[in-house]
Amino acid sequence: MAYTYKVYGTGDVDNAVNNYNRVASSAPTYADSYDTRQARRQADNYANSYTDKINKGYTSRYKGTIDELANQYQKNKFDWTPENSSEYQQAKEKYTREGKVAQENVQGSYAANTGGYSNTYSQAAGQKAFGEYMDELANKVPTLKNEAYKSYQQQQEDTLNRIGVLQNLDNTQYQRYRDSVTDDYDFMTYYENKYGTSKGLDMSNFQNELAHWQTQMSAAQSNLSDIRSLAEAQYEHNTLSADTRSSIDSQRRQSDAYYNYLNSQVKIK
């Protein structure tokens, strides 16, 4: 079989250059994938929310009322006296009025029996009747004071109960705030990890694409270099004299013949 030589010219060089430029222009560029961008966005959102909540801190909607009730509880002292008791004053007015009526009735009764003349005895009897009403009024003081103290205790207990209810509501609200902060931190950590994993996968894929492109680029560059060298050699061959080209072609034919001979010997063996 005769060995033939391919003749390379400017057309082959142009094709090699075009192929080189095509490969060069297709160089891969890195870009985050959709999953990576989403993970980054979510991580940033939760990080901002977490930081904002930490900086603002917890704000209680019940603290003002709790402080007001606590102050009221501490200042509310039991200081009952007959003079500042409306119940006592009402009883005093009632017993005084009724006592005077009783006094007048007794004195009137004695005056009727004595022909309308008042005497020391009738005055004493009337005063005694009035005094009995005042004694009844005095006897009511412990009862009124005890009732006032019970009312005071109930009022204090009601205040404490209100404070307790509000504190429970405040604790519940604070726990919700803490849960919200913890959730933001946990989600921030989750998406940071997800972002790191997705980013690493993107970089690995990019490195593989880059290595493949570099292989293609190296092949295109070698091909271009080889074709240019062959084309230049062909050009130089074409510019030689006819005798020189004939000599080179003769050597090539001899080489072809020798190659064919060796090839036939290999086949025989």
Protein backbone atom coordinates (compact mmCIF):
# COMPACT_ATOMS: atom_id res chain seq x y z
CA MET A 1 0.00 0.00 0.00
CA ALA A 2 1.42 3.38 -1.03
CA TYR A 3 1.78 5.97 1.73
CA THR A 4 0.24 9.31 0.76
CA TYR A 5 0.97 12.72 2.16
CA LYS A 6 -1.86 15.19 2.91
CA VAL A 7 -1.22 18.61 1.47
CA TYR A 8 -1.99 21.45 3.94
CA GLY A 9 -2.74 24.97 2.76
CA THR A 10 -4.21 28.25 3.96
CA GLY A 11 -7.71 26.77 4.06
CA ASP A 12 -6.62 24.18 6.58
CA VAL A 13 -4.95 26.88 8.69
CA ASP A 14 -8.11 29.00 8.59
CA ASN A 15 -10.20 26.05 9.73
CA ALA A 16 -7.78 25.36 12.58
CA VAL A 17 -7.87 29.02 13.60
CA ASN A 18 -11.68 29.05 13.52
CA ASN A 19 -11.80 25.91 15.61
CA TYR A 20 -9.33 27.42 18.09
CA ASN A 21 -11.38 30.62 18.36
CA ARG A 22 -14.60 28.64 18.79
CA VAL A 23 -13.12 26.65 21.67
CA ALA A 24 -11.55 29.76 23.21
CA SER A 25 -14.86 31.65 23.14
CA SER A 26 -16.65 28.78 24.88
CA ALA A 27 -14.61 29.09 28.08
CA PRO A 28 -16.87 28.30 31.08
CA THR A 29 -17.63 31.02 33.64
CA TYR A 30 -18.67 30.38 37.24
CA ALA A 31 -22.18 31.31 38.40
CA ASP A 32 -24.11 30.22 41.48
CA SER A 33 -26.92 27.80 40.76
CA TYR A 34 -30.56 28.58 41.59
CA ASP A 35 -30.38 26.40 44.71
CA THR A 36 -27.26 28.21 45.89
CA ARG A 37 -28.77 31.65 45.34
CA GLN A 38 -31.97 30.62 47.13
CA ALA A 39 -30.04 29.24 50.10
CA ARG A 40 -27.96 32.44 50.30
CA ARG A 41 -31.11 34.59 50.17
CA GLN A 42 -32.85 32.57 52.87
CA ALA A 43 -29.77 32.57 55.12
CA ASP A 44 -29.46 36.35 54.80
CA ASN A 45 -33.17 36.89 55.49
CA TYR A 46 -33.09 34.85 58.69
CA ALA A 47 -29.78 36.43 59.74
CA ASN A 48 -31.26 39.92 59.35
CA SER A 49 -34.41 38.91 61.23
CA TYR A 50 -32.34 37.34 64.03
CA THR A 51 -30.07 40.39 64.36
CA ASP A 52 -33.02 42.77 64.33
CA LYS A 53 -34.81 40.89 67.11
CA ILE A 54 -31.67 40.68 69.22
CA ASN A 55 -30.93 44.40 68.82
CA LYS A 56 -34.49 45.46 69.61
CA GLY A 57 -34.83 43.01 72.48
CA TYR A 58 -38.05 41.97 74.16
CA THR A 59 -40.77 44.58 74.65
CA SER A 60 -43.46 43.70 77.18
CA ARG A 61 -46.98 44.96 76.55
CA TYR A 62 -47.88 44.22 80.19
CA LYS A 63 -44.94 45.73 82.10
CA GLY A 64 -46.54 49.15 82.61
CA THR A 65 -49.73 47.71 84.08
CA ILE A 66 -47.78 45.22 86.24
CA ASP A 67 -45.58 47.98 87.67
CA GLU A 68 -48.62 50.17 88.34
CA LEU A 69 -50.46 47.39 90.18
CA ALA A 70 -47.34 46.43 92.16
CA ASN A 71 -46.90 50.05 93.24
CA GLN A 72 -50.56 50.22 94.16
CA TYR A 73 -50.25 47.02 96.22
CA GLN A 74 -47.24 48.29 98.15
CA LYS A 75 -48.74 51.70 98.91
CA ASN A 76 -52.16 50.40 99.88
CA LYS A 77 -51.94 50.23 103.70
CA PHE A 78 -54.79 49.45 106.05
CA ASP A 79 -55.47 52.62 108.06
CA TRP A 80 -59.13 52.33 109.04
CA THR A 81 -60.51 54.79 111.59
CA PRO A 82 -64.11 55.71 112.41
CA GLU A 83 -63.45 59.20 111.09
CA ASN A 84 -62.39 58.02 107.60
CA SER A 85 -65.02 55.23 107.39
CA SER A 86 -68.08 56.10 105.34
CA GLU A 87 -69.89 53.10 106.82
CA TYR A 88 -69.21 54.33 110.34
CA GLN A 89 -70.32 57.86 109.49
CA GLN A 90 -73.56 56.53 108.05
CA ALA A 91 -74.15 54.40 111.18
CA LYS A 92 -73.28 57.36 113.41
CA GLU A 93 -75.79 59.55 111.61
CA LYS A 94 -78.46 56.85 111.92
CA TYR A 95 -77.87 56.06 115.60
CA THR A 96 -77.54 59.72 116.53
CA ARG A 97 -80.81 60.53 114.80
CA GLU A 98 -82.61 57.59 116.36
CA GLY A 99 -81.01 58.29 119.76
CA LYS A 100 -82.27 61.85 119.73
CA VAL A 101 -85.73 60.65 118.81
CA ALA A 102 -85.62 58.17 121.70
CA GLN A 103 -84.34 60.90 124.03
CA GLU A 104 -87.13 63.25 123.03
CA ASN A 105 -89.71 60.50 123.40
CA VAL A 106 -88.54 59.64 126.91
CA GLN A 107 -88.40 63.27 127.97
CA GLY A 108 -91.80 63.92 126.43
CA SER A 109 -93.26 60.98 128.26
CA TYR A 110 -91.97 62.27 131.59
CA ALA A 111 -93.18 65.76 130.83
CA ALA A 112 -96.67 64.43 130.13
CA ASN A 113 -96.71 62.62 133.43
CA THR A 114 -95.60 65.74 135.32
CA GLY A 115 -97.97 68.17 133.69
CA GLY A 116 -95.55 69.41 131.06
CA TYR A 117 -92.75 70.30 133.37
CA SER A 118 -89.34 68.97 132.71
CA ASN A 119 -87.19 67.89 135.57
CA THR A 120 -83.76 66.54 136.17
CA TYR A 121 -84.99 62.96 136.22
CA SER A 122 -86.62 63.20 132.81
CA GLN A 123 -83.46 64.75 131.38
CA ALA A 124 -81.38 61.95 132.83
CA ALA A 125 -83.76 59.34 131.47
CA GLY A 126 -83.66 60.95 128.03
CA GLN A 127 -79.88 61.13 128.12
CA LYS A 128 -79.77 57.49 129.11
CA ALA A 129 -81.94 56.53 126.14
CA PHE A 130 -79.66 58.52 123.81
CA GLY A 131 -76.57 56.93 125.40
CA GLU A 132 -77.89 53.46 124.69
CA TYR A 133 -77.92 54.26 121.01
CA MET A 134 -74.38 55.63 121.23
CA ASP A 135 -73.34 52.43 122.99
CA GLU A 136 -74.81 50.43 120.14
CA LEU A 137 -72.85 52.61 117.73
CA ALA A 138 -69.65 52.01 119.69
CA ASN A 139 -70.31 48.28 119.66
CA LYS A 140 -70.47 48.35 115.89
CA VAL A 141 -66.94 49.78 115.57
CA PRO A 142 -65.10 46.40 115.84
CA THR A 143 -67.49 44.86 113.35
CA LEU A 144 -67.09 47.73 110.90
CA LYS A 145 -63.32 47.64 111.30
CA ASN A 146 -63.22 43.87 110.77
CA GLU A 147 -65.38 44.14 107.66
CA ALA A 148 -63.16 46.94 106.37
CA TYR A 149 -60.06 44.80 106.98
CA LYS A 150 -61.61 41.86 105.12
CA SER A 151 -62.42 44.18 102.24
CA TYR A 152 -58.82 45.47 102.32
CA GLN A 153 -57.43 41.93 102.25
CA GLN A 154 -59.71 40.98 99.37
CA GLN A 155 -58.64 44.07 97.48
CA GLN A 156 -54.97 43.24 98.02
CA GLU A 157 -55.56 39.64 96.99
CA ASP A 158 -57.38 40.76 93.85
CA THR A 159 -54.45 43.02 93.00
CA LEU A 160 -52.00 40.16 93.45
CA ASN A 161 -54.17 37.91 91.29
CA ARG A 162 -54.26 40.51 88.53
CA ILE A 163 -50.48 40.87 88.74
CA GLY A 164 -50.13 37.08 88.53
CA VAL A 165 -52.38 36.83 85.48
CA LEU A 166 -50.48 39.60 83.71
CA GLN A 167 -47.12 38.03 84.61
CA ASN A 168 -48.25 34.72 83.13
CA LEU A 169 -49.31 36.49 79.95
CA ASP A 170 -46.00 38.34 79.90
CA ASN A 171 -44.04 35.11 80.39
CA THR A 172 -45.96 33.49 77.54
CA GLN A 173 -45.24 36.46 75.28
CA TYR A 174 -41.56 36.44 76.24
CA GLN A 175 -41.29 32.71 75.53
CA ARG A 176 -42.81 33.28 72.11
CA TYR A 177 -40.21 35.97 71.50
CA ARG A 178 -37.41 33.61 72.58
CA ASP A 179 -38.84 30.81 70.37
CA SER A 180 -38.94 33.21 67.44
CA VAL A 181 -35.31 34.22 68.00
CA THR A 182 -34.26 30.57 68.32
CA ASP A 183 -36.17 29.64 65.16
CA ASP A 184 -34.47 32.42 63.21
CA TYR A 185 -31.05 31.25 64.42
CA ASP A 186 -31.79 27.60 63.59
CA PHE A 187 -33.08 28.43 60.11
CA MET A 188 -30.14 30.76 59.51
CA THR A 189 -27.73 27.94 60.43
CA TYR A 190 -29.65 25.44 58.29
CA TYR A 191 -29.55 27.62 55.18
CA GLU A 192 -25.91 28.59 55.78
CA ASN A 193 -25.02 24.89 55.74
CA LYS A 194 -27.23 24.31 52.71
CA TYR A 195 -25.56 27.24 50.96
CA GLY A 196 -22.09 25.88 51.72
CA THR A 197 -22.99 22.42 50.39
CA SER A 198 -24.63 23.80 47.24
CA LYS A 199 -21.75 26.24 46.69
CA GLY A 200 -19.24 23.40 46.94
CA LEU A 201 -21.19 21.36 44.38
CA ASP A 202 -21.32 24.37 42.03
CA MET A 203 -17.57 24.86 42.34
CA SER A 204 -16.91 21.15 41.72
CA ASN A 205 -19.06 21.21 38.59
CA PHE A 206 -17.32 24.36 37.40
CA GLN A 207 -13.87 22.84 37.96
CA ASN A 208 -14.88 19.79 35.91
CA GLU A 209 -16.18 22.01 33.09
CA LEU A 210 -13.03 24.11 33.25
CA ALA A 211 -10.77 21.03 33.10
CA HIS A 212 -12.71 19.71 30.09
CA TRP A 213 -12.44 23.07 28.34
CA GLN A 214 -8.71 23.29 29.07
CA THR A 215 -8.27 19.85 27.50
CA GLN A 216 -10.20 20.99 24.41
CA MET A 217 -8.22 24.24 24.33
CA SER A 218 -4.90 22.41 24.54
CA ALA A 219 -5.96 20.08 21.70
CA ALA A 220 -7.12 23.00 19.53
CA GLN A 221 -3.90 24.88 20.19
CA SER A 222 -1.75 21.83 19.38
CA ASN A 223 -3.78 21.17 16.23
CA LEU A 224 -3.38 24.76 15.08
CA SER A 225 0.34 24.69 15.78
CA ASP A 226 0.78 21.40 13.92
CA ILE A 227 -1.23 22.50 10.86
CA ARG A 228 0.65 25.81 10.69
CA SER A 229 3.95 23.94 10.76
CA LEU A 230 2.78 21.52 8.04
CA ALA A 231 1.39 24.34 5.93
CA GLU A 232 4.63 26.28 6.26
CA ALA A 233 6.58 23.17 5.31
CA GLN A 234 4.28 22.64 2.33
CA TYR A 235 4.77 26.27 1.32
CA GLU A 236 8.51 25.91 1.54
CA HIS A 237 8.28 22.70 -0.50
CA ASN A 238 6.29 24.48 -3.18
CA THR A 239 8.86 27.26 -3.44
CA LEU A 240 11.72 24.85 -4.07
CA SER A 241 13.05 24.21 -7.54
CA ALA A 242 11.57 21.46 -9.65
CA ASP A 243 14.74 19.37 -9.33
CA THR A 244 14.75 19.69 -5.56
CA ARG A 245 11.05 18.82 -5.29
CA SER A 246 11.65 15.85 -7.62
CA SER A 247 14.48 14.69 -5.38
CA ILE A 248 12.33 15.03 -2.23
CA ASP A 249 9.41 13.29 -3.90
CA SER A 250 11.79 10.52 -5.03
CA GLN A 251 12.99 10.12 -1.47
CA ARG A 252 9.38 10.02 -0.33
CA ARG A 253 8.55 7.36 -2.92
CA GLN A 254 11.55 5.37 -1.79
CA SER A 255 10.40 5.76 1.75
CA ASP A 256 6.93 4.66 0.68
CA ALA A 257 8.38 1.62 -1.07
CA TYR A 258 10.49 0.77 1.95
CA TYR A 259 7.44 1.25 4.18
CA ASN A 260 5.37 -1.01 1.94
CA TYR A 261 8.14 -3.61 2.02
CA LEU A 262 8.37 -3.53 5.80
CA ASN A 263 4.60 -3.68 6.04
CA SER A 264 4.50 -6.73 3.75
CA GLN A 265 7.19 -8.43 5.85
CA VAL A 266 5.20 -7.80 8.98
CA LYS A 267 2.13 -9.33 7.37
CA ILE A 268 4.15 -12.37 6.17
CA LYS A 269 5.39 -12.95 9.70
